[in-house]
Amino acid sequence: MLLRSTGHVKSMMLPENSQRRIPLILQCFLYILLVKRSIVIMRYPELHFFFLGALFSTILALVCSLFKIKASLHMVAISGFTIFAVGLNMHLQMHNPYWGAFLILMSGIIASSRLEMNAHTPRELLIGLFIGVLPQVLFLYLWL
């Protein structure tokens, strides 16, 4: 709302790549602040690596926007959280398949809603999926 009131973005949907850059940069700074100050590796290693993966996902989305490639930020978020939840399930040895199945179902619902709203193309959804999954899988090996 702040960016919209100052005129930096025209809509909450951020249809243009140039409008996505400022919110993504702000999100990067917030993740850096969170990882460096609040969620330190000694106290919360799982959350530390989750937010570090989210930071790298945000950086990848920002780089894509610089190259005029639009990625679905909704898919980045839900796919990254899905990988984290499945990894946390394995780490805590809970043997509960329901959370992973539920989050995969939610990923499909979010993807289909983005297609239905004509907010993204299937290519943009796949790019968002890979941007969300890749850093989480790489950091999963560090704390699992």
N, C-alpha and C. Protein backbone atom coordinates (compact mmCIF):
# COMPACT_ATOMS: atom_id res chain seq x y z
N MET A 1 0.82 -1.19 0.00
CA MET A 1 0.00 0.00 0.00
C MET A 1 0.87 1.26 0.00
N LEU A 2 1.99 1.18 0.68
CA LEU A 2 2.90 2.32 0.74
C LEU A 2 3.44 2.63 -0.66
N LEU A 3 3.86 1.60 -1.37
CA LEU A 3 4.40 1.81 -2.72
C LEU A 3 3.33 2.29 -3.68
N ARG A 4 2.10 1.85 -3.48
CA ARG A 4 1.01 2.30 -4.34
C ARG A 4 0.67 3.75 -4.07
N SER A 5 0.66 4.15 -2.79
CA SER A 5 0.34 5.54 -2.45
C SER A 5 1.43 6.51 -2.89
N THR A 6 2.67 6.04 -2.97
CA THR A 6 3.75 6.92 -3.42
C THR A 6 3.90 6.92 -4.94
N GLY A 7 3.16 6.05 -5.62
CA GLY A 7 3.19 6.04 -7.08
C GLY A 7 4.24 5.13 -7.69
N HIS A 8 4.92 4.33 -6.89
CA HIS A 8 5.93 3.42 -7.42
C HIS A 8 5.32 2.20 -8.10
N VAL A 9 4.13 1.81 -7.69
CA VAL A 9 3.40 0.72 -8.34
C VAL A 9 2.00 1.22 -8.66
N LYS A 10 1.46 0.70 -9.77
CA LYS A 10 0.13 1.13 -10.21
C LYS A 10 -0.97 0.25 -9.63
N SER A 11 -0.65 -1.02 -9.42
CA SER A 11 -1.65 -1.96 -8.97
C SER A 11 -1.01 -2.94 -8.00
N MET A 12 -1.82 -3.55 -7.16
CA MET A 12 -1.32 -4.56 -6.24
C MET A 12 -0.88 -5.82 -6.98
N MET A 13 -1.34 -6.01 -8.20
CA MET A 13 -1.01 -7.20 -8.98
C MET A 13 0.39 -7.13 -9.58
N LEU A 14 1.00 -5.97 -9.64
CA LEU A 14 2.35 -5.76 -10.20
C LEU A 14 2.48 -6.41 -11.58
N PRO A 15 1.71 -5.94 -12.56
CA PRO A 15 1.72 -6.60 -13.86
C PRO A 15 3.00 -6.40 -14.67
N GLU A 16 3.74 -5.34 -14.40
CA GLU A 16 4.96 -5.06 -15.16
C GLU A 16 6.19 -5.43 -14.34
N ASN A 17 7.23 -5.89 -15.05
CA ASN A 17 8.47 -6.28 -14.37
C ASN A 17 9.13 -5.11 -13.66
N SER A 18 9.05 -3.92 -14.24
CA SER A 18 9.70 -2.76 -13.63
C SER A 18 9.08 -2.43 -12.27
N GLN A 19 7.80 -2.74 -12.08
CA GLN A 19 7.14 -2.46 -10.81
C GLN A 19 7.49 -3.50 -9.75
N ARG A 20 8.00 -4.65 -10.13
CA ARG A 20 8.33 -5.72 -9.19
C ARG A 20 9.67 -5.50 -8.50
N ARG A 21 10.51 -4.68 -9.07
CA ARG A 21 11.89 -4.56 -8.58
C ARG A 21 11.96 -3.96 -7.18
N ILE A 22 11.28 -2.86 -6.95
CA ILE A 22 11.36 -2.21 -5.64
C ILE A 22 10.81 -3.11 -4.53
N PRO A 23 9.63 -3.73 -4.70
CA PRO A 23 9.17 -4.64 -3.63
C PRO A 23 10.11 -5.82 -3.40
N LEU A 24 10.72 -6.35 -4.46
CA LEU A 24 11.65 -7.47 -4.29
C LEU A 24 12.92 -7.03 -3.58
N ILE A 25 13.40 -5.84 -3.87
CA ILE A 25 14.59 -5.32 -3.17
C ILE A 25 14.28 -5.10 -1.70
N LEU A 26 13.11 -4.54 -1.40
CA LEU A 26 12.71 -4.36 0.00
C LEU A 26 12.59 -5.70 0.72
N GLN A 27 12.04 -6.69 0.02
CA GLN A 27 11.92 -8.02 0.63
C GLN A 27 13.30 -8.63 0.90
N CYS A 28 14.25 -8.42 -0.01
CA CYS A 28 15.61 -8.91 0.22
C CYS A 28 16.20 -8.29 1.49
N PHE A 29 16.04 -6.99 1.64
CA PHE A 29 16.57 -6.33 2.83
C PHE A 29 15.91 -6.85 4.11
N LEU A 30 14.62 -7.10 4.05
CA LEU A 30 13.92 -7.63 5.23
C LEU A 30 14.39 -9.04 5.56
N TYR A 31 14.60 -9.87 4.54
CA TYR A 31 15.11 -11.22 4.80
C TYR A 31 16.52 -11.18 5.38
N ILE A 32 17.36 -10.29 4.86
CA ILE A 32 18.72 -10.16 5.38
C ILE A 32 18.68 -9.73 6.85
N LEU A 33 17.85 -8.77 7.16
CA LEU A 33 17.70 -8.32 8.54
C LEU A 33 17.21 -9.45 9.44
N LEU A 34 16.26 -10.22 8.94
CA LEU A 34 15.70 -11.33 9.71
C LEU A 34 16.75 -12.41 9.97
N VAL A 35 17.51 -12.76 8.94
CA VAL A 35 18.50 -13.84 9.06
C VAL A 35 19.70 -13.39 9.91
N LYS A 36 20.10 -12.15 9.80
CA LYS A 36 21.27 -11.68 10.54
C LYS A 36 20.97 -11.36 12.00
N ARG A 37 19.76 -10.88 12.29
CA ARG A 37 19.47 -10.37 13.64
C ARG A 37 18.55 -11.27 14.46
N SER A 38 17.50 -11.79 13.86
CA SER A 38 16.48 -12.47 14.66
C SER A 38 16.62 -13.99 14.66
N ILE A 39 16.65 -14.56 13.50
CA ILE A 39 16.64 -16.02 13.40
C ILE A 39 18.07 -16.48 13.11
N VAL A 40 18.83 -16.57 14.17
CA VAL A 40 20.24 -16.95 14.04
C VAL A 40 20.37 -18.46 13.96
N ILE A 41 21.45 -18.91 13.35
CA ILE A 41 21.63 -20.33 13.08
C ILE A 41 21.79 -21.17 14.35
N MET A 42 22.34 -20.58 15.39
CA MET A 42 22.55 -21.33 16.63
C MET A 42 21.25 -21.67 17.35
N ARG A 43 20.27 -20.79 17.26
CA ARG A 43 19.01 -21.01 17.98
C ARG A 43 17.97 -21.74 17.14
N TYR A 44 17.84 -21.36 15.87
CA TYR A 44 16.81 -21.91 15.00
C TYR A 44 17.41 -22.30 13.65
N PRO A 45 18.17 -23.39 13.58
CA PRO A 45 18.84 -23.70 12.32
C PRO A 45 17.88 -23.99 11.17
N GLU A 46 16.76 -24.64 11.44
CA GLU A 46 15.82 -24.95 10.36
C GLU A 46 15.22 -23.68 9.78
N LEU A 47 14.73 -22.80 10.66
CA LEU A 47 14.15 -21.55 10.19
C LEU A 47 15.19 -20.65 9.54
N HIS A 48 16.41 -20.68 10.05
CA HIS A 48 17.48 -19.88 9.47
C HIS A 48 17.70 -20.27 8.00
N PHE A 49 17.79 -21.57 7.74
CA PHE A 49 18.01 -22.00 6.36
C PHE A 49 16.77 -21.82 5.50
N PHE A 50 15.58 -21.90 6.09
CA PHE A 50 14.36 -21.63 5.33
C PHE A 50 14.35 -20.19 4.85
N PHE A 51 14.61 -19.24 5.74
CA PHE A 51 14.61 -17.84 5.35
C PHE A 51 15.80 -17.50 4.46
N LEU A 52 16.90 -18.19 4.63
CA LEU A 52 18.03 -18.00 3.72
C LEU A 52 17.65 -18.47 2.31
N GLY A 53 16.94 -19.60 2.23
CA GLY A 53 16.44 -20.07 0.94
C GLY A 53 15.44 -19.10 0.34
N ALA A 54 14.58 -18.53 1.20
CA ALA A 54 13.63 -17.53 0.72
C ALA A 54 14.36 -16.29 0.20
N LEU A 55 15.45 -15.91 0.86
CA LEU A 55 16.26 -14.78 0.39
C LEU A 55 16.82 -15.08 -1.00
N PHE A 56 17.37 -16.27 -1.19
CA PHE A 56 17.92 -16.61 -2.49
C PHE A 56 16.83 -16.71 -3.56
N SER A 57 15.66 -17.18 -3.19
CA SER A 57 14.54 -17.20 -4.13
C SER A 57 14.15 -15.79 -4.55
N THR A 58 14.14 -14.88 -3.58
CA THR A 58 13.81 -13.49 -3.89
C THR A 58 14.87 -12.86 -4.78
N ILE A 59 16.13 -13.18 -4.52
CA ILE A 59 17.22 -12.66 -5.37
C ILE A 59 17.08 -13.21 -6.78
N LEU A 60 16.76 -14.50 -6.91
CA LEU A 60 16.56 -15.08 -8.24
C LEU A 60 15.38 -14.43 -8.97
N ALA A 61 14.29 -14.17 -8.24
CA ALA A 61 13.14 -13.50 -8.85
C ALA A 61 13.51 -12.07 -9.28
N LEU A 62 14.34 -11.41 -8.49
CA LEU A 62 14.80 -10.07 -8.84
C LEU A 62 15.67 -10.10 -10.08
N VAL A 63 16.57 -11.07 -10.17
CA VAL A 63 17.43 -11.20 -11.35
C VAL A 63 16.57 -11.49 -12.59
N CYS A 64 15.58 -12.33 -12.43
CA CYS A 64 14.68 -12.61 -13.56
C CYS A 64 13.96 -11.34 -14.00
N SER A 65 13.52 -10.52 -13.05
CA SER A 65 12.83 -9.29 -13.44
C SER A 65 13.78 -8.31 -14.12
N LEU A 66 15.06 -8.34 -13.76
CA LEU A 66 16.03 -7.49 -14.45
C LEU A 66 16.22 -7.91 -15.90
N PHE A 67 16.06 -9.20 -16.17
CA PHE A 67 16.17 -9.71 -17.54
C PHE A 67 14.81 -9.80 -18.22
N LYS A 68 13.82 -9.09 -17.65
CA LYS A 68 12.47 -9.01 -18.19
C LYS A 68 11.77 -10.37 -18.28
N ILE A 69 12.07 -11.24 -17.32
CA ILE A 69 11.41 -12.54 -17.21
C ILE A 69 10.50 -12.45 -16.00
N LYS A 70 9.21 -12.65 -16.24
CA LYS A 70 8.23 -12.57 -15.16
C LYS A 70 8.03 -13.95 -14.55
N ALA A 71 8.17 -14.04 -13.24
CA ALA A 71 7.94 -15.29 -12.52
C ALA A 71 6.79 -15.08 -11.55
N SER A 72 6.02 -16.11 -11.32
CA SER A 72 4.91 -16.04 -10.38
C SER A 72 5.45 -16.07 -8.96
N LEU A 73 5.32 -14.95 -8.26
CA LEU A 73 5.81 -14.87 -6.89
C LEU A 73 4.95 -15.71 -5.95
N HIS A 74 3.69 -15.92 -6.32
CA HIS A 74 2.84 -16.81 -5.52
C HIS A 74 3.39 -18.24 -5.57
N MET A 75 3.82 -18.68 -6.75
CA MET A 75 4.37 -20.02 -6.88
C MET A 75 5.73 -20.13 -6.20
N VAL A 76 6.50 -19.07 -6.23
CA VAL A 76 7.78 -19.06 -5.52
C VAL A 76 7.53 -19.32 -4.03
N ALA A 77 6.56 -18.62 -3.47
CA ALA A 77 6.29 -18.73 -2.03
C ALA A 77 5.75 -20.11 -1.65
N ILE A 78 4.73 -20.58 -2.35
CA ILE A 78 4.10 -21.84 -1.94
C ILE A 78 5.01 -23.04 -2.22
N SER A 79 5.77 -22.99 -3.30
CA SER A 79 6.65 -24.13 -3.59
C SER A 79 7.83 -24.17 -2.62
N GLY A 80 8.37 -23.01 -2.26
CA GLY A 80 9.44 -22.97 -1.27
C GLY A 80 8.97 -23.45 0.08
N PHE A 81 7.78 -23.03 0.49
CA PHE A 81 7.25 -23.47 1.77
C PHE A 81 6.93 -24.97 1.76
N THR A 82 6.49 -25.49 0.62
CA THR A 82 6.20 -26.92 0.52
C THR A 82 7.46 -27.74 0.73
N ILE A 83 8.55 -27.35 0.08
CA ILE A 83 9.80 -28.08 0.25
C ILE A 83 10.29 -27.99 1.69
N PHE A 84 10.15 -26.82 2.30
CA PHE A 84 10.55 -26.67 3.70
C PHE A 84 9.72 -27.57 4.61
N ALA A 85 8.41 -27.61 4.40
CA ALA A 85 7.54 -28.42 5.25
C ALA A 85 7.84 -29.90 5.10
N VAL A 86 8.10 -30.35 3.88
CA VAL A 86 8.46 -31.76 3.66
C VAL A 86 9.81 -32.06 4.30
N GLY A 87 10.76 -31.16 4.15
CA GLY A 87 12.08 -31.34 4.77
C GLY A 87 12.01 -31.34 6.28
N LEU A 88 11.19 -30.46 6.85
CA LEU A 88 11.03 -30.42 8.30
C LEU A 88 10.36 -31.69 8.81
N ASN A 89 9.43 -32.22 8.03
CA ASN A 89 8.77 -33.48 8.36
C ASN A 89 9.80 -34.62 8.41
N MET A 90 10.71 -34.63 7.45
CA MET A 90 11.76 -35.66 7.45
C MET A 90 12.75 -35.43 8.59
N HIS A 91 13.11 -34.17 8.83
CA HIS A 91 14.08 -33.84 9.87
C HIS A 91 13.58 -34.23 11.26
N LEU A 92 12.33 -33.96 11.53
CA LEU A 92 11.75 -34.28 12.83
C LEU A 92 11.24 -35.72 12.91
N GLN A 93 11.38 -36.45 11.83
CA GLN A 93 10.96 -37.85 11.72
C GLN A 93 9.51 -38.04 12.17
N MET A 94 8.65 -37.20 11.62
CA MET A 94 7.24 -37.24 11.98
C MET A 94 6.47 -38.28 11.17
N HIS A 95 6.94 -38.61 9.99
CA HIS A 95 6.30 -39.58 9.11
C HIS A 95 4.83 -39.23 8.87
N ASN A 96 4.58 -37.96 8.61
CA ASN A 96 3.23 -37.47 8.37
C ASN A 96 3.14 -37.00 6.93
N PRO A 97 2.52 -37.77 6.03
CA PRO A 97 2.46 -37.38 4.63
C PRO A 97 1.39 -36.34 4.33
N TYR A 98 0.55 -36.01 5.30
CA TYR A 98 -0.60 -35.16 5.03
C TYR A 98 -0.23 -33.71 4.75
N TRP A 99 0.76 -33.18 5.47
CA TRP A 99 1.15 -31.79 5.22
C TRP A 99 1.73 -31.60 3.83
N GLY A 100 2.59 -32.52 3.43
CA GLY A 100 3.16 -32.42 2.08
C GLY A 100 2.10 -32.54 1.01
N ALA A 101 1.18 -33.48 1.18
CA ALA A 101 0.10 -33.65 0.20
C ALA A 101 -0.80 -32.43 0.17
N PHE A 102 -1.11 -31.89 1.35
CA PHE A 102 -1.95 -30.69 1.42
C PHE A 102 -1.29 -29.51 0.72
N LEU A 103 0.01 -29.31 0.95
CA LEU A 103 0.70 -28.17 0.35
C LEU A 103 0.88 -28.34 -1.15
N ILE A 104 1.05 -29.57 -1.61
CA ILE A 104 1.11 -29.81 -3.06
C ILE A 104 -0.25 -29.51 -3.69
N LEU A 105 -1.32 -29.91 -3.02
CA LEU A 105 -2.67 -29.59 -3.48
C LEU A 105 -2.87 -28.08 -3.52
N MET A 106 -2.42 -27.38 -2.49
CA MET A 106 -2.54 -25.92 -2.46
C MET A 106 -1.72 -25.26 -3.57
N SER A 107 -0.57 -25.85 -3.89
CA SER A 107 0.23 -25.34 -5.01
C SER A 107 -0.56 -25.42 -6.31
N GLY A 108 -1.22 -26.54 -6.50
CA GLY A 108 -2.04 -26.69 -7.70
C GLY A 108 -3.21 -25.72 -7.73
N ILE A 109 -3.83 -25.51 -6.59
CA ILE A 109 -4.96 -24.56 -6.53
C ILE A 109 -4.47 -23.15 -6.81
N ILE A 110 -3.34 -22.78 -6.25
CA ILE A 110 -2.79 -21.43 -6.48
C ILE A 110 -2.41 -21.27 -7.95
N ALA A 111 -1.77 -22.29 -8.53
CA ALA A 111 -1.38 -22.21 -9.94
C ALA A 111 -2.61 -22.08 -10.83
N SER A 112 -3.63 -22.87 -10.56
CA SER A 112 -4.82 -22.79 -11.41
C SER A 112 -5.55 -21.46 -11.23
N SER A 113 -5.52 -20.90 -10.01
CA SER A 113 -6.17 -19.60 -9.82
C SER A 113 -5.41 -18.50 -10.55
N ARG A 114 -4.09 -18.59 -10.57
CA ARG A 114 -3.30 -17.58 -11.30
C ARG A 114 -3.55 -17.67 -12.81
N LEU A 115 -3.74 -18.91 -13.29
CA LEU A 115 -4.08 -19.07 -14.71
C LEU A 115 -5.48 -18.57 -15.00
N GLU A 116 -6.42 -18.86 -14.12
CA GLU A 116 -7.81 -18.45 -14.30
C GLU A 116 -7.94 -16.93 -14.30
N MET A 117 -7.15 -16.26 -13.48
CA MET A 117 -7.19 -14.80 -13.41
C MET A 117 -6.41 -14.13 -14.54
N ASN A 118 -5.78 -14.94 -15.39
CA ASN A 118 -4.92 -14.44 -16.47
C ASN A 118 -3.79 -13.57 -15.93
N ALA A 119 -3.33 -13.88 -14.73
CA ALA A 119 -2.22 -13.14 -14.13
C ALA A 119 -0.88 -13.67 -14.63
N HIS A 120 -0.84 -14.95 -15.02
CA HIS A 120 0.41 -15.57 -15.46
C HIS A 120 0.14 -16.58 -16.57
N THR A 121 1.20 -16.89 -17.27
CA THR A 121 1.17 -17.96 -18.26
C THR A 121 1.72 -19.22 -17.60
N PRO A 122 1.51 -20.40 -18.21
CA PRO A 122 2.11 -21.61 -17.63
C PRO A 122 3.63 -21.52 -17.50
N ARG A 123 4.28 -20.85 -18.42
CA ARG A 123 5.74 -20.69 -18.36
C ARG A 123 6.15 -19.89 -17.13
N GLU A 124 5.43 -18.82 -16.83
CA GLU A 124 5.74 -18.01 -15.66
C GLU A 124 5.51 -18.78 -14.36
N LEU A 125 4.50 -19.64 -14.36
CA LEU A 125 4.24 -20.47 -13.19
C LEU A 125 5.37 -21.47 -12.97
N LEU A 126 5.85 -22.07 -14.06
CA LEU A 126 6.96 -23.03 -13.94
C LEU A 126 8.24 -22.35 -13.49
N ILE A 127 8.48 -21.15 -14.00
CA ILE A 127 9.66 -20.40 -13.56
C ILE A 127 9.56 -20.10 -12.07
N GLY A 128 8.39 -19.69 -11.61
CA GLY A 128 8.18 -19.44 -10.18
C GLY A 128 8.36 -20.69 -9.36
N LEU A 129 7.88 -21.82 -9.87
CA LEU A 129 8.03 -23.09 -9.16
C LEU A 129 9.50 -23.45 -8.99
N PHE A 130 10.29 -23.33 -10.05
CA PHE A 130 11.71 -23.67 -9.96
C PHE A 130 12.47 -22.69 -9.08
N ILE A 131 12.11 -21.41 -9.14
CA ILE A 131 12.78 -20.42 -8.30
C ILE A 131 12.49 -20.68 -6.82
N GLY A 132 11.31 -21.17 -6.51
CA GLY A 132 10.98 -21.47 -5.13
C GLY A 132 11.59 -22.76 -4.63
N VAL A 133 11.64 -23.77 -5.50
CA VAL A 133 12.10 -25.10 -5.09
C VAL A 133 13.62 -25.18 -5.00
N LEU A 134 14.31 -24.65 -5.98
CA LEU A 134 15.76 -24.83 -6.08
C LEU A 134 16.54 -24.39 -4.84
N PRO A 135 16.39 -23.16 -4.34
CA PRO A 135 17.17 -22.79 -3.14
C PRO A 135 16.78 -23.60 -1.91
N GLN A 136 15.51 -23.92 -1.76
CA GLN A 136 15.09 -24.70 -0.60
C GLN A 136 15.70 -26.10 -0.61
N VAL A 137 15.75 -26.72 -1.79
CA VAL A 137 16.36 -28.05 -1.89
C VAL A 137 17.85 -27.98 -1.61
N LEU A 138 18.52 -26.95 -2.12
CA LEU A 138 19.95 -26.82 -1.87
C LEU A 138 20.24 -26.59 -0.39
N PHE A 139 19.47 -25.74 0.27
CA PHE A 139 19.69 -25.50 1.70
C PHE A 139 19.18 -26.64 2.56
N LEU A 140 18.31 -27.45 2.03
CA LEU A 140 17.80 -28.63 2.76
C LEU A 140 18.94 -29.57 3.11
N TYR A 141 19.89 -29.68 2.21
CA TYR A 141 21.04 -30.56 2.47
C TYR A 141 21.95 -30.04 3.57
N LEU A 142 21.89 -28.73 3.86
CA LEU A 142 22.73 -28.17 4.91
C LEU A 142 22.20 -28.45 6.30
N TRP A 143 20.90 -28.53 6.46
CA TRP A 143 20.36 -28.72 7.80
C TRP A 143 19.65 -30.05 7.99
N LEU A 144 19.48 -30.84 6.97
CA LEU A 144 18.78 -32.12 7.13
C LEU A 144 19.66 -33.19 7.64
